[in-house]
PDB file of all heavy atoms in Angstrom:
ATOM      1  N   ILE A   1      21.872  24.227 -15.256  1.00  0.00           N
ATOM      2  CA  ILE A   1      21.107  24.065 -16.503  1.00  0.00           C
ATOM      3  C   ILE A   1      21.310  22.660 -17.066  1.00  0.00           C
ATOM      4  O   ILE A   1      22.440  22.169 -17.141  1.00  0.00           O
ATOM      5  CB  ILE A   1      21.551  25.111 -17.551  1.00  0.00           C
ATOM      6  CG1 ILE A   1      21.270  26.522 -17.025  1.00  0.00           C
ATOM      7  CG2 ILE A   1      20.855  24.886 -18.882  1.00  0.00           C
ATOM      8  CD1 ILE A   1      21.805  27.624 -17.917  1.00  0.00           C
ATOM      9  N   ALA A   2      20.191  22.027 -17.501  1.00  0.00           N
ATOM     10  CA  ALA A   2      20.217  20.716 -18.174  1.00  0.00           C
ATOM     11  C   ALA A   2      19.391  20.849 -19.451  1.00  0.00           C
ATOM     12  O   ALA A   2      18.201  20.554 -19.455  1.00  0.00           O
ATOM     13  CB  ALA A   2      19.676  19.628 -17.255  1.00  0.00           C
ATOM     14  N   ASN A   3      20.018  21.311 -20.517  1.00  0.00           N
ATOM     15  CA  ASN A   3      19.310  21.618 -21.765  1.00  0.00           C
ATOM     16  C   ASN A   3      19.639  20.631 -22.879  1.00  0.00           C
ATOM     17  O   ASN A   3      20.690  19.992 -22.877  1.00  0.00           O
ATOM     18  CB  ASN A   3      19.661  23.027 -22.241  1.00  0.00           C
ATOM     19  CG  ASN A   3      19.084  24.101 -21.349  1.00  0.00           C
ATOM     20  OD1 ASN A   3      18.239  23.837 -20.517  1.00  0.00           O
ATOM     21  ND2 ASN A   3      19.547  25.312 -21.534  1.00  0.00           N
ATOM     22  N   ALA A   4      18.716  20.573 -23.838  1.00  0.00           N
ATOM     23  CA  ALA A   4      18.918  19.771 -25.041  1.00  0.00           C
ATOM     24  C   ALA A   4      18.397  20.553 -26.235  1.00  0.00           C
ATOM     25  O   ALA A   4      17.569  21.455 -26.094  1.00  0.00           O
ATOM     26  CB  ALA A   4      18.204  18.426 -24.921  1.00  0.00           C
ATOM     27  N   GLU A   5      18.872  20.177 -27.403  1.00  0.00           N
ATOM     28  CA  GLU A   5      18.437  20.833 -28.643  1.00  0.00           C
ATOM     29  C   GLU A   5      17.202  20.123 -29.214  1.00  0.00           C
ATOM     30  O   GLU A   5      16.114  20.660 -29.223  1.00  0.00           O
ATOM     31  CB  GLU A   5      19.587  20.809 -29.659  1.00  0.00           C
ATOM     32  CG  GLU A   5      19.274  21.434 -30.985  1.00  0.00           C
ATOM     33  CD  GLU A   5      19.116  22.941 -30.938  1.00  0.00           C
ATOM     34  OE1 GLU A   5      19.597  23.583 -29.996  1.00  0.00           O
ATOM     35  OE2 GLU A   5      18.487  23.473 -31.864  1.00  0.00           O
ATOM     36  N   GLY A   6      17.358  18.881 -29.678  1.00  0.00           N
ATOM     37  CA  GLY A   6      16.264  18.159 -30.305  1.00  0.00           C
ATOM     38  C   GLY A   6      15.603  17.134 -29.401  1.00  0.00           C
ATOM     39  O   GLY A   6      14.422  16.824 -29.546  1.00  0.00           O
ATOM     40  N   GLY A   7      16.348  16.581 -28.466  1.00  0.00           N
ATOM     41  CA  GLY A   7      15.794  15.602 -27.533  1.00  0.00           C
ATOM     42  C   GLY A   7      15.145  16.296 -26.341  1.00  0.00           C
ATOM     43  O   GLY A   7      14.961  17.514 -26.329  1.00  0.00           O
ATOM     44  N   ASN A   8      14.796  15.499 -25.356  1.00  0.00           N
ATOM     45  CA  ASN A   8      14.179  16.059 -24.152  1.00  0.00           C
ATOM     46  C   ASN A   8      15.243  16.695 -23.251  1.00  0.00           C
ATOM     47  O   ASN A   8      16.386  16.242 -23.210  1.00  0.00           O
ATOM     48  CB  ASN A   8      13.451  14.961 -23.370  1.00  0.00           C
ATOM     49  CG  ASN A   8      12.302  14.378 -24.178  1.00  0.00           C
ATOM     50  OD1 ASN A   8      11.719  15.043 -25.017  1.00  0.00           O
ATOM     51  ND2 ASN A   8      11.997  13.126 -23.921  1.00  0.00           N
ATOM     52  N   GLY A   9      14.831  17.720 -22.523  1.00  0.00           N
ATOM     53  CA  GLY A   9      15.740  18.351 -21.569  1.00  0.00           C
ATOM     54  C   GLY A   9      16.041  17.409 -20.427  1.00  0.00           C
ATOM     55  O   GLY A   9      15.255  16.517 -20.116  1.00  0.00           O
ATOM     56  N   GLY A  10      17.176  17.587 -19.801  1.00  0.00           N
ATOM     57  CA  GLY A  10      17.530  16.758 -18.648  1.00  0.00           C
ATOM     58  C   GLY A  10      16.710  17.148 -17.434  1.00  0.00           C
ATOM     59  O   GLY A  10      15.963  18.131 -17.448  1.00  0.00           O
ATOM     60  N   ASN A  11      16.841  16.379 -16.374  1.00  0.00           N
ATOM     61  CA  ASN A  11      16.144  16.671 -15.122  1.00  0.00           C
ATOM     62  C   ASN A  11      17.140  17.211 -14.103  1.00  0.00           C
ATOM     63  O   ASN A  11      18.298  16.790 -14.071  1.00  0.00           O
ATOM     64  CB  ASN A  11      15.480  15.408 -14.573  1.00  0.00           C
ATOM     65  CG  ASN A  11      14.404  14.899 -15.509  1.00  0.00           C
ATOM     66  OD1 ASN A  11      13.578  15.662 -15.994  1.00  0.00           O
ATOM     67  ND2 ASN A  11      14.430  13.608 -15.793  1.00  0.00           N
ATOM     68  N   ILE A  12      16.666  18.127 -13.263  1.00  0.00           N
ATOM     69  CA  ILE A  12      17.488  18.687 -12.195  1.00  0.00           C
ATOM     70  C   ILE A  12      16.820  18.354 -10.878  1.00  0.00           C
ATOM     71  O   ILE A  12      15.644  18.657 -10.677  1.00  0.00           O
ATOM     72  CB  ILE A  12      17.647  20.217 -12.346  1.00  0.00           C
ATOM     73  CG1 ILE A  12      18.360  20.544 -13.658  1.00  0.00           C
ATOM     74  CG2 ILE A  12      18.395  20.801 -11.151  1.00  0.00           C
ATOM     75  CD1 ILE A  12      18.452  22.029 -13.954  1.00  0.00           C
ATOM     76  N   ASN A  13      17.570  17.710  -9.989  1.00  0.00           N
ATOM     77  CA  ASN A  13      17.075  17.360  -8.657  1.00  0.00           C
ATOM     78  C   ASN A  13      18.003  17.991  -7.620  1.00  0.00           C
ATOM     79  O   ASN A  13      19.183  17.629  -7.550  1.00  0.00           O
ATOM     80  CB  ASN A  13      17.041  15.843  -8.467  1.00  0.00           C
ATOM     81  CG  ASN A  13      16.044  15.193  -9.392  1.00  0.00           C
ATOM     82  OD1 ASN A  13      14.866  15.493  -9.319  1.00  0.00           O
ATOM     83  ND2 ASN A  13      16.516  14.332 -10.269  1.00  0.00           N
ATOM     84  N   LEU A  14      17.458  18.925  -6.848  1.00  0.00           N
ATOM     85  CA  LEU A  14      18.230  19.603  -5.802  1.00  0.00           C
ATOM     86  C   LEU A  14      17.640  19.216  -4.454  1.00  0.00           C
ATOM     87  O   LEU A  14      16.456  19.408  -4.215  1.00  0.00           O
ATOM     88  CB  LEU A  14      18.172  21.123  -5.978  1.00  0.00           C
ATOM     89  CG  LEU A  14      18.603  21.672  -7.344  1.00  0.00           C
ATOM     90  CD1 LEU A  14      18.449  23.179  -7.375  1.00  0.00           C
ATOM     91  CD2 LEU A  14      20.019  21.252  -7.670  1.00  0.00           C
ATOM     92  N   ASN A  15      18.472  18.659  -3.596  1.00  0.00           N
ATOM     93  CA  ASN A  15      18.043  18.277  -2.253  1.00  0.00           C
ATOM     94  C   ASN A  15      18.963  18.998  -1.273  1.00  0.00           C
ATOM     95  O   ASN A  15      20.148  18.662  -1.165  1.00  0.00           O
ATOM     96  CB  ASN A  15      18.137  16.760  -2.084  1.00  0.00           C
ATOM     97  CG  ASN A  15      17.569  16.311  -0.759  1.00  0.00           C
ATOM     98  OD1 ASN A  15      17.246  17.110   0.112  1.00  0.00           O
ATOM     99  ND2 ASN A  15      17.460  15.006  -0.602  1.00  0.00           N
ATOM    100  N   THR A  16      18.421  20.016  -0.592  1.00  0.00           N
ATOM    101  CA  THR A  16      19.243  20.831   0.283  1.00  0.00           C
ATOM    102  C   THR A  16      18.433  21.326   1.474  1.00  0.00           C
ATOM    103  O   THR A  16      17.216  21.459   1.383  1.00  0.00           O
ATOM    104  CB  THR A  16      19.839  22.026  -0.499  1.00  0.00           C
ATOM    105  OG1 THR A  16      20.641  22.807   0.371  1.00  0.00           O
ATOM    106  CG2 THR A  16      18.760  22.887  -1.112  1.00  0.00           C
ATOM    107  N   GLN A  17      19.125  21.601   2.567  1.00  0.00           N
ATOM    108  CA  GLN A  17      18.459  22.181   3.727  1.00  0.00           C
ATOM    109  C   GLN A  17      18.329  23.693   3.591  1.00  0.00           C
ATOM    110  O   GLN A  17      17.492  24.307   4.240  1.00  0.00           O
ATOM    111  CB  GLN A  17      19.233  21.826   5.002  1.00  0.00           C
ATOM    112  CG  GLN A  17      19.183  20.361   5.323  1.00  0.00           C
ATOM    113  CD  GLN A  17      20.041  20.023   6.547  1.00  0.00           C
ATOM    114  OE1 GLN A  17      20.557  20.874   7.227  1.00  0.00           O
ATOM    115  NE2 GLN A  17      20.184  18.734   6.800  1.00  0.00           N
ATOM    116  N   ALA A  18      19.158  24.301   2.747  1.00  0.00           N
ATOM    117  CA  ALA A  18      19.101  25.754   2.548  1.00  0.00           C
ATOM    118  C   ALA A  18      19.523  26.083   1.134  1.00  0.00           C
ATOM    119  O   ALA A  18      20.670  25.895   0.756  1.00  0.00           O
ATOM    120  CB  ALA A  18      20.013  26.464   3.544  1.00  0.00           C
ATOM    121  N   LEU A  19      18.580  26.579   0.330  1.00  0.00           N
ATOM    122  CA  LEU A  19      18.863  27.047  -1.018  1.00  0.00           C
ATOM    123  C   LEU A  19      18.827  28.566  -0.988  1.00  0.00           C
ATOM    124  O   LEU A  19      17.794  29.171  -0.679  1.00  0.00           O
ATOM    125  CB  LEU A  19      17.837  26.511  -2.020  1.00  0.00           C
ATOM    126  CG  LEU A  19      17.928  27.080  -3.438  1.00  0.00           C
ATOM    127  CD1 LEU A  19      19.279  26.785  -4.076  1.00  0.00           C
ATOM    128  CD2 LEU A  19      16.801  26.538  -4.309  1.00  0.00           C
ATOM    129  N   ILE A  20      19.956  29.181  -1.290  1.00  0.00           N
ATOM    130  CA  ILE A  20      20.050  30.636  -1.315  1.00  0.00           C
ATOM    131  C   ILE A  20      20.378  31.023  -2.748  1.00  0.00           C
ATOM    132  O   ILE A  20      21.442  30.672  -3.267  1.00  0.00           O
ATOM    133  CB  ILE A  20      21.144  31.138  -0.347  1.00  0.00           C
ATOM    134  CG1 ILE A  20      20.836  30.644   1.064  1.00  0.00           C
ATOM    135  CG2 ILE A  20      21.264  32.649  -0.407  1.00  0.00           C
ATOM    136  CD1 ILE A  20      21.968  30.771   2.036  1.00  0.00           C
ATOM    137  N   GLN A  21      19.443  31.733  -3.385  1.00  0.00           N
ATOM    138  CA  GLN A  21      19.607  32.088  -4.795  1.00  0.00           C
ATOM    139  C   GLN A  21      19.451  33.584  -4.948  1.00  0.00           C
ATOM    140  O   GLN A  21      18.527  34.185  -4.394  1.00  0.00           O
ATOM    141  CB  GLN A  21      18.567  31.357  -5.649  1.00  0.00           C
ATOM    142  CG  GLN A  21      18.702  31.648  -7.126  1.00  0.00           C
ATOM    143  CD  GLN A  21      17.686  30.873  -7.954  1.00  0.00           C
ATOM    144  OE1 GLN A  21      16.891  30.109  -7.430  1.00  0.00           O
ATOM    145  NE2 GLN A  21      17.719  31.087  -9.245  1.00  0.00           N
ATOM    146  N   SER A  22      20.375  34.221  -5.698  1.00  0.00           N
ATOM    147  CA  SER A  22      20.241  35.652  -5.944  1.00  0.00           C
ATOM    148  C   SER A  22      18.976  35.898  -6.755  1.00  0.00           C
ATOM    149  O   SER A  22      18.566  35.083  -7.576  1.00  0.00           O
ATOM    150  CB  SER A  22      21.471  36.206  -6.664  1.00  0.00           C
ATOM    151  OG  SER A  22      21.674  35.548  -7.892  1.00  0.00           O
ATOM    152  N   VAL A  23      18.343  37.030  -6.475  1.00  0.00           N
ATOM    153  CA  VAL A  23      17.061  37.342  -7.090  1.00  0.00           C
ATOM    154  C   VAL A  23      17.190  37.477  -8.601  1.00  0.00           C
ATOM    155  O   VAL A  23      16.345  37.027  -9.355  1.00  0.00           O
ATOM    156  CB  VAL A  23      16.472  38.629  -6.476  1.00  0.00           C
ATOM    157  CG1 VAL A  23      15.198  39.038  -7.170  1.00  0.00           C
ATOM    158  CG2 VAL A  23      16.240  38.439  -4.995  1.00  0.00           C
ATOM    159  N   SER A  24      18.240  38.103  -9.063  1.00  0.00           N
ATOM    160  CA  SER A  24      18.429  38.247 -10.507  1.00  0.00           C
ATOM    161  C   SER A  24      19.809  37.724 -10.877  1.00  0.00           C
ATOM    162  O   SER A  24      20.709  37.647 -10.049  1.00  0.00           O
ATOM    163  CB  SER A  24      18.301  39.713 -10.916  1.00  0.00           C
ATOM    164  OG  SER A  24      19.327  40.472 -10.304  1.00  0.00           O
ATOM    165  N   GLY A  25      19.964  37.355 -12.111  1.00  0.00           N
ATOM    166  CA  GLY A  25      21.260  36.916 -12.589  1.00  0.00           C
ATOM    167  C   GLY A  25      21.546  35.444 -12.399  1.00  0.00           C
ATOM    168  O   GLY A  25      22.643  35.001 -12.694  1.00  0.00           O
TER     169      GLY A  25
END
């Protein structure tokens, strides 16, 4: 997570050969 309150949110850059993410949670 890259969050902000009043300013702009941060950027997230993911560079991977395999991203495995649980469906929920």
